Amino acid sequence: MSAARAKGTAWETAIVNYLIGEGFVMAERRALAGSLDKGDITGIPGVVIEAKNCKTINLAQFVDEANVEATNANADVGVAWVKRRGKTSPAEAYVVMSGTTFMELLTEWINK
């Protein structure tokens, strides 16, 4: 396994463990799917998570990728969970999404 792949796998695993610890016990890493990728982490209904542990942070690219993968997975929400430099916990990372996705979440939350 390449160093980059090992770094990505470790970050995905950290996110899954964090989600499970927070009560999302069905969270799991998803197998690679090539051009029809459905995101890195599944197990939260309607949500696709794209995990990113990169030296250079490119939010536009990460959000676009998460949205494509959400479409591929027929999910409502796609987010990118981006490792923050100098931090190891997913709790201290960035979770980024489009403004449209954020408004959908706000509307859903307010209407509960």
N, C-alpha and C. Protein backbone atom coordinates (compact mmCIF):
# COMPACT_ATOMS: atom_id res chain seq x y z
N MET A 1 0.86 -1.18 0.00
CA MET A 1 0.00 0.00 0.00
C MET A 1 0.89 1.23 0.00
N SER A 2 0.56 2.21 -0.85
CA SER A 2 1.35 3.44 -0.92
C SER A 2 1.16 4.25 0.35
N ALA A 3 2.09 5.16 0.59
CA ALA A 3 2.01 6.02 1.78
C ALA A 3 0.76 6.88 1.73
N ALA A 4 0.42 7.40 0.54
CA ALA A 4 -0.78 8.24 0.40
C ALA A 4 -2.05 7.44 0.69
N ARG A 5 -2.10 6.23 0.18
CA ARG A 5 -3.28 5.39 0.42
C ARG A 5 -3.39 5.04 1.90
N ALA A 6 -2.27 4.72 2.54
CA ALA A 6 -2.27 4.40 3.97
C ALA A 6 -2.74 5.59 4.79
N LYS A 7 -2.31 6.79 4.40
CA LYS A 7 -2.72 8.00 5.09
C LYS A 7 -4.23 8.21 4.94
N GLY A 8 -4.75 7.99 3.74
CA GLY A 8 -6.19 8.13 3.50
C GLY A 8 -7.00 7.10 4.26
N THR A 9 -6.52 5.86 4.25
CA THR A 9 -7.21 4.78 4.96
C THR A 9 -7.25 5.08 6.46
N ALA A 10 -6.15 5.55 7.00
CA ALA A 10 -6.10 5.87 8.44
C ALA A 10 -7.08 6.98 8.78
N TRP A 11 -7.21 8.00 7.91
CA TRP A 11 -8.13 9.09 8.16
C TRP A 11 -9.59 8.61 8.07
N GLU A 12 -9.90 7.80 7.07
CA GLU A 12 -11.24 7.24 6.95
C GLU A 12 -11.59 6.43 8.20
N THR A 13 -10.67 5.62 8.65
CA THR A 13 -10.89 4.80 9.84
C THR A 13 -11.11 5.66 11.06
N ALA A 14 -10.34 6.74 11.19
CA ALA A 14 -10.51 7.65 12.33
C ALA A 14 -11.90 8.28 12.32
N ILE A 15 -12.37 8.68 11.14
CA ILE A 15 -13.71 9.27 11.04
C ILE A 15 -14.78 8.24 11.42
N VAL A 16 -14.66 7.04 10.89
CA VAL A 16 -15.63 5.99 11.21
C VAL A 16 -15.65 5.72 12.71
N ASN A 17 -14.49 5.59 13.32
CA ASN A 17 -14.43 5.35 14.77
C ASN A 17 -15.05 6.50 15.56
N TYR A 18 -14.82 7.72 15.10
CA TYR A 18 -15.41 8.89 15.75
C TYR A 18 -16.94 8.85 15.63
N LEU A 19 -17.44 8.58 14.43
CA LEU A 19 -18.89 8.50 14.23
C LEU A 19 -19.51 7.42 15.10
N ILE A 20 -18.89 6.26 15.14
CA ILE A 20 -19.40 5.16 15.97
C ILE A 20 -19.42 5.58 17.44
N GLY A 21 -18.37 6.23 17.88
CA GLY A 21 -18.30 6.71 19.26
C GLY A 21 -19.37 7.74 19.59
N GLU A 22 -19.85 8.45 18.56
CA GLU A 22 -20.90 9.45 18.75
C GLU A 22 -22.30 8.87 18.54
N GLY A 23 -22.39 7.55 18.36
CA GLY A 23 -23.69 6.91 18.27
C GLY A 23 -24.12 6.49 16.87
N PHE A 24 -23.33 6.78 15.86
CA PHE A 24 -23.66 6.38 14.49
C PHE A 24 -23.02 5.02 14.22
N VAL A 25 -23.59 4.00 14.86
CA VAL A 25 -22.97 2.68 14.91
C VAL A 25 -22.94 1.94 13.58
N MET A 26 -23.66 2.41 12.59
CA MET A 26 -23.68 1.76 11.28
C MET A 26 -22.62 2.35 10.33
N ALA A 27 -21.89 3.37 10.78
CA ALA A 27 -20.87 3.99 9.93
C ALA A 27 -19.80 2.97 9.58
N GLU A 28 -19.38 3.01 8.30
CA GLU A 28 -18.32 2.11 7.85
C GLU A 28 -17.65 2.66 6.60
N ARG A 29 -16.44 2.21 6.38
CA ARG A 29 -15.73 2.57 5.16
C ARG A 29 -16.38 1.83 4.00
N ARG A 30 -16.45 2.49 2.88
CA ARG A 30 -17.05 1.91 1.69
C ARG A 30 -15.93 1.43 0.76
N ALA A 31 -16.16 0.34 0.07
CA ALA A 31 -15.19 -0.18 -0.90
C ALA A 31 -15.07 0.78 -2.07
N LEU A 32 -13.91 0.83 -2.68
CA LEU A 32 -13.69 1.67 -3.86
C LEU A 32 -14.60 1.22 -4.99
N ALA A 33 -15.10 2.20 -5.78
CA ALA A 33 -16.03 1.88 -6.85
C ALA A 33 -15.63 2.52 -8.18
N GLY A 34 -14.42 2.98 -8.32
CA GLY A 34 -13.96 3.54 -9.59
C GLY A 34 -14.67 4.82 -9.98
N SER A 35 -15.05 4.92 -11.26
CA SER A 35 -15.64 6.16 -11.78
C SER A 35 -17.02 6.46 -11.21
N LEU A 36 -17.69 5.47 -10.66
CA LEU A 36 -19.00 5.68 -10.04
C LEU A 36 -18.89 5.62 -8.52
N ASP A 37 -17.82 6.22 -8.01
CA ASP A 37 -17.55 6.23 -6.58
C ASP A 37 -18.74 6.78 -5.82
N LYS A 38 -19.04 6.17 -4.68
CA LYS A 38 -20.17 6.57 -3.85
C LYS A 38 -19.72 7.11 -2.51
N GLY A 39 -18.49 7.62 -2.45
CA GLY A 39 -17.98 8.22 -1.22
C GLY A 39 -17.15 7.23 -0.43
N ASP A 40 -16.50 7.74 0.59
CA ASP A 40 -15.60 6.93 1.41
C ASP A 40 -16.28 6.28 2.60
N ILE A 41 -17.30 6.96 3.13
CA ILE A 41 -17.93 6.48 4.37
C ILE A 41 -19.44 6.45 4.17
N THR A 42 -20.04 5.37 4.60
CA THR A 42 -21.48 5.16 4.48
C THR A 42 -22.03 4.74 5.84
N GLY A 43 -23.32 4.48 5.88
CA GLY A 43 -23.94 4.00 7.12
C GLY A 43 -24.79 5.04 7.81
N ILE A 44 -24.83 6.26 7.27
CA ILE A 44 -25.72 7.30 7.78
C ILE A 44 -26.72 7.54 6.65
N PRO A 45 -27.96 7.17 6.84
CA PRO A 45 -28.94 7.25 5.74
C PRO A 45 -28.98 8.64 5.11
N GLY A 46 -28.87 8.65 3.77
CA GLY A 46 -28.96 9.89 3.02
C GLY A 46 -27.70 10.72 2.98
N VAL A 47 -26.61 10.25 3.59
CA VAL A 47 -25.39 11.04 3.68
C VAL A 47 -24.21 10.27 3.09
N VAL A 48 -23.43 10.97 2.28
CA VAL A 48 -22.17 10.45 1.75
C VAL A 48 -21.05 11.33 2.31
N ILE A 49 -20.02 10.68 2.82
CA ILE A 49 -18.86 11.40 3.35
C ILE A 49 -17.65 11.07 2.49
N GLU A 50 -17.01 12.12 2.01
CA GLU A 50 -15.75 12.00 1.29
C GLU A 50 -14.66 12.45 2.26
N ALA A 51 -13.79 11.54 2.64
CA ALA A 51 -12.72 11.83 3.59
C ALA A 51 -11.49 12.35 2.84
N LYS A 52 -10.91 13.43 3.33
CA LYS A 52 -9.74 14.02 2.68
C LYS A 52 -8.64 14.29 3.70
N ASN A 53 -7.47 13.75 3.42
CA ASN A 53 -6.27 14.00 4.23
C ASN A 53 -5.17 14.37 3.25
N CYS A 54 -5.15 15.64 2.85
CA CYS A 54 -4.24 16.11 1.81
C CYS A 54 -3.40 17.27 2.34
N LYS A 55 -2.20 17.37 1.81
CA LYS A 55 -1.32 18.47 2.19
C LYS A 55 -1.93 19.81 1.75
N THR A 56 -2.47 19.82 0.53
CA THR A 56 -3.10 21.02 0.00
C THR A 56 -4.61 20.87 0.05
N ILE A 57 -5.27 21.83 0.68
CA ILE A 57 -6.72 21.80 0.81
C ILE A 57 -7.35 22.57 -0.34
N ASN A 58 -8.22 21.88 -1.10
CA ASN A 58 -8.93 22.47 -2.22
C ASN A 58 -10.43 22.26 -1.99
N LEU A 59 -11.04 23.19 -1.28
CA LEU A 59 -12.43 23.02 -0.86
C LEU A 59 -13.38 22.85 -2.03
N ALA A 60 -13.21 23.63 -3.09
CA ALA A 60 -14.11 23.53 -4.23
C ALA A 60 -14.07 22.13 -4.83
N GLN A 61 -12.88 21.60 -5.02
CA GLN A 61 -12.73 20.25 -5.57
C GLN A 61 -13.34 19.21 -4.65
N PHE A 62 -13.10 19.34 -3.35
CA PHE A 62 -13.60 18.36 -2.38
C PHE A 62 -15.12 18.36 -2.34
N VAL A 63 -15.74 19.55 -2.34
CA VAL A 63 -17.21 19.64 -2.29
C VAL A 63 -17.81 19.12 -3.58
N ASP A 64 -17.21 19.49 -4.71
CA ASP A 64 -17.71 18.97 -5.99
C ASP A 64 -17.67 17.44 -6.01
N GLU A 65 -16.57 16.87 -5.54
CA GLU A 65 -16.43 15.41 -5.50
C GLU A 65 -17.49 14.78 -4.59
N ALA A 66 -17.70 15.37 -3.42
CA ALA A 66 -18.71 14.85 -2.49
C ALA A 66 -20.10 14.90 -3.11
N ASN A 67 -20.40 15.96 -3.85
CA ASN A 67 -21.72 16.09 -4.48
C ASN A 67 -21.91 15.06 -5.59
N VAL A 68 -20.89 14.83 -6.40
CA VAL A 68 -20.97 13.80 -7.44
C VAL A 68 -21.19 12.44 -6.80
N GLU A 69 -20.45 12.15 -5.74
CA GLU A 69 -20.57 10.86 -5.08
C GLU A 69 -21.92 10.69 -4.40
N ALA A 70 -22.48 11.78 -3.88
CA ALA A 70 -23.83 11.71 -3.31
C ALA A 70 -24.84 11.36 -4.40
N THR A 71 -24.69 11.95 -5.56
CA THR A 71 -25.56 11.62 -6.69
C THR A 71 -25.40 10.15 -7.07
N ASN A 72 -24.15 9.68 -7.16
CA ASN A 72 -23.90 8.27 -7.50
C ASN A 72 -24.54 7.33 -6.49
N ALA A 73 -24.56 7.74 -5.22
CA ALA A 73 -25.10 6.89 -4.15
C ALA A 73 -26.60 7.13 -3.92
N ASN A 74 -27.19 8.03 -4.69
CA ASN A 74 -28.58 8.40 -4.50
C ASN A 74 -28.84 8.91 -3.08
N ALA A 75 -27.88 9.70 -2.59
CA ALA A 75 -27.97 10.26 -1.24
C ALA A 75 -28.41 11.72 -1.31
N ASP A 76 -28.97 12.21 -0.23
CA ASP A 76 -29.44 13.59 -0.18
C ASP A 76 -28.32 14.59 0.06
N VAL A 77 -27.31 14.17 0.82
CA VAL A 77 -26.26 15.08 1.28
C VAL A 77 -24.89 14.48 1.00
N GLY A 78 -24.01 15.32 0.45
CA GLY A 78 -22.62 14.96 0.29
C GLY A 78 -21.75 15.98 1.00
N VAL A 79 -20.85 15.50 1.85
CA VAL A 79 -19.93 16.40 2.55
C VAL A 79 -18.51 15.87 2.43
N ALA A 80 -17.57 16.79 2.53
CA ALA A 80 -16.16 16.41 2.58
C ALA A 80 -15.68 16.64 4.02
N TRP A 81 -15.05 15.62 4.60
CA TRP A 81 -14.52 15.71 5.96
C TRP A 81 -13.01 15.82 5.81
N VAL A 82 -12.50 17.02 6.04
CA VAL A 82 -11.12 17.38 5.69
C VAL A 82 -10.26 17.47 6.93
N LYS A 83 -9.18 16.69 6.93
CA LYS A 83 -8.25 16.70 8.07
C LYS A 83 -7.60 18.07 8.18
N ARG A 84 -7.58 18.55 9.39
CA ARG A 84 -6.97 19.84 9.70
C ARG A 84 -5.50 19.63 10.05
N ARG A 85 -4.63 20.38 9.44
CA ARG A 85 -3.19 20.26 9.69
C ARG A 85 -2.89 20.43 11.17
N GLY A 86 -2.08 19.56 11.70
CA GLY A 86 -1.65 19.65 13.09
C GLY A 86 -2.65 19.07 14.09
N LYS A 87 -3.76 18.56 13.61
CA LYS A 87 -4.78 17.97 14.48
C LYS A 87 -4.97 16.52 14.07
N THR A 88 -5.28 15.67 15.03
CA THR A 88 -5.46 14.25 14.70
C THR A 88 -6.91 13.79 14.81
N SER A 89 -7.72 14.50 15.56
CA SER A 89 -9.09 14.07 15.79
C SER A 89 -10.04 14.57 14.71
N PRO A 90 -10.93 13.71 14.23
CA PRO A 90 -11.97 14.17 13.31
C PRO A 90 -12.85 15.26 13.92
N ALA A 91 -12.94 15.30 15.23
CA ALA A 91 -13.73 16.34 15.90
C ALA A 91 -13.16 17.73 15.65
N GLU A 92 -11.88 17.81 15.33
CA GLU A 92 -11.23 19.10 15.09
C GLU A 92 -11.00 19.37 13.60
N ALA A 93 -11.56 18.52 12.75
CA ALA A 93 -11.41 18.68 11.31
C ALA A 93 -12.47 19.62 10.77
N TYR A 94 -12.43 19.83 9.47
CA TYR A 94 -13.43 20.63 8.78
C TYR A 94 -14.41 19.71 8.07
N VAL A 95 -15.70 20.00 8.18
CA VAL A 95 -16.70 19.30 7.38
C VAL A 95 -17.30 20.38 6.49
N VAL A 96 -17.11 20.22 5.17
CA VAL A 96 -17.51 21.26 4.23
C VAL A 96 -18.56 20.74 3.26
N MET A 97 -19.41 21.66 2.84
CA MET A 97 -20.51 21.33 1.93
C MET A 97 -20.87 22.59 1.16
N SER A 98 -21.70 22.43 0.15
CA SER A 98 -22.17 23.58 -0.61
C SER A 98 -23.20 24.35 0.22
N GLY A 99 -23.44 25.58 -0.18
CA GLY A 99 -24.47 26.39 0.46
C GLY A 99 -25.84 25.77 0.30
N THR A 100 -26.08 25.16 -0.86
CA THR A 100 -27.36 24.48 -1.11
C THR A 100 -27.57 23.35 -0.12
N THR A 101 -26.52 22.55 0.07
CA THR A 101 -26.61 21.44 1.02
C THR A 101 -26.86 21.96 2.44
N PHE A 102 -26.17 23.03 2.81
CA PHE A 102 -26.34 23.60 4.14
C PHE A 102 -27.78 24.08 4.34
N MET A 103 -28.34 24.73 3.34
CA MET A 103 -29.72 25.20 3.45
C MET A 103 -30.69 24.03 3.57
N GLU A 104 -30.44 22.94 2.84
CA GLU A 104 -31.29 21.75 2.96
C GLU A 104 -31.25 21.21 4.38
N LEU A 105 -30.06 21.16 4.96
CA LEU A 105 -29.93 20.67 6.34
C LEU A 105 -30.62 21.60 7.32
N LEU A 106 -30.44 22.90 7.15
CA LEU A 106 -31.08 23.87 8.04
C LEU A 106 -32.60 23.76 7.94
N THR A 107 -33.12 23.69 6.74
CA THR A 107 -34.56 23.59 6.54
C THR A 107 -35.11 22.33 7.18
N GLU A 108 -34.42 21.21 6.98
CA GLU A 108 -34.84 19.94 7.58
C GLU A 108 -34.83 20.05 9.10
N TRP A 109 -33.78 20.63 9.66
CA TRP A 109 -33.63 20.74 11.11
C TRP A 109 -34.69 21.66 11.71
N ILE A 110 -34.94 22.79 11.07
CA ILE A 110 -35.92 23.76 11.58
C ILE A 110 -37.34 23.19 11.49
N ASN A 111 -37.62 22.41 10.47
CA ASN A 111 -38.96 21.86 10.27
C ASN A 111 -39.25 20.61 11.09
N LYS A 112 -38.34 20.20 11.96
CA LYS A 112 -38.59 19.01 12.79
C LYS A 112 -39.50 19.34 13.93
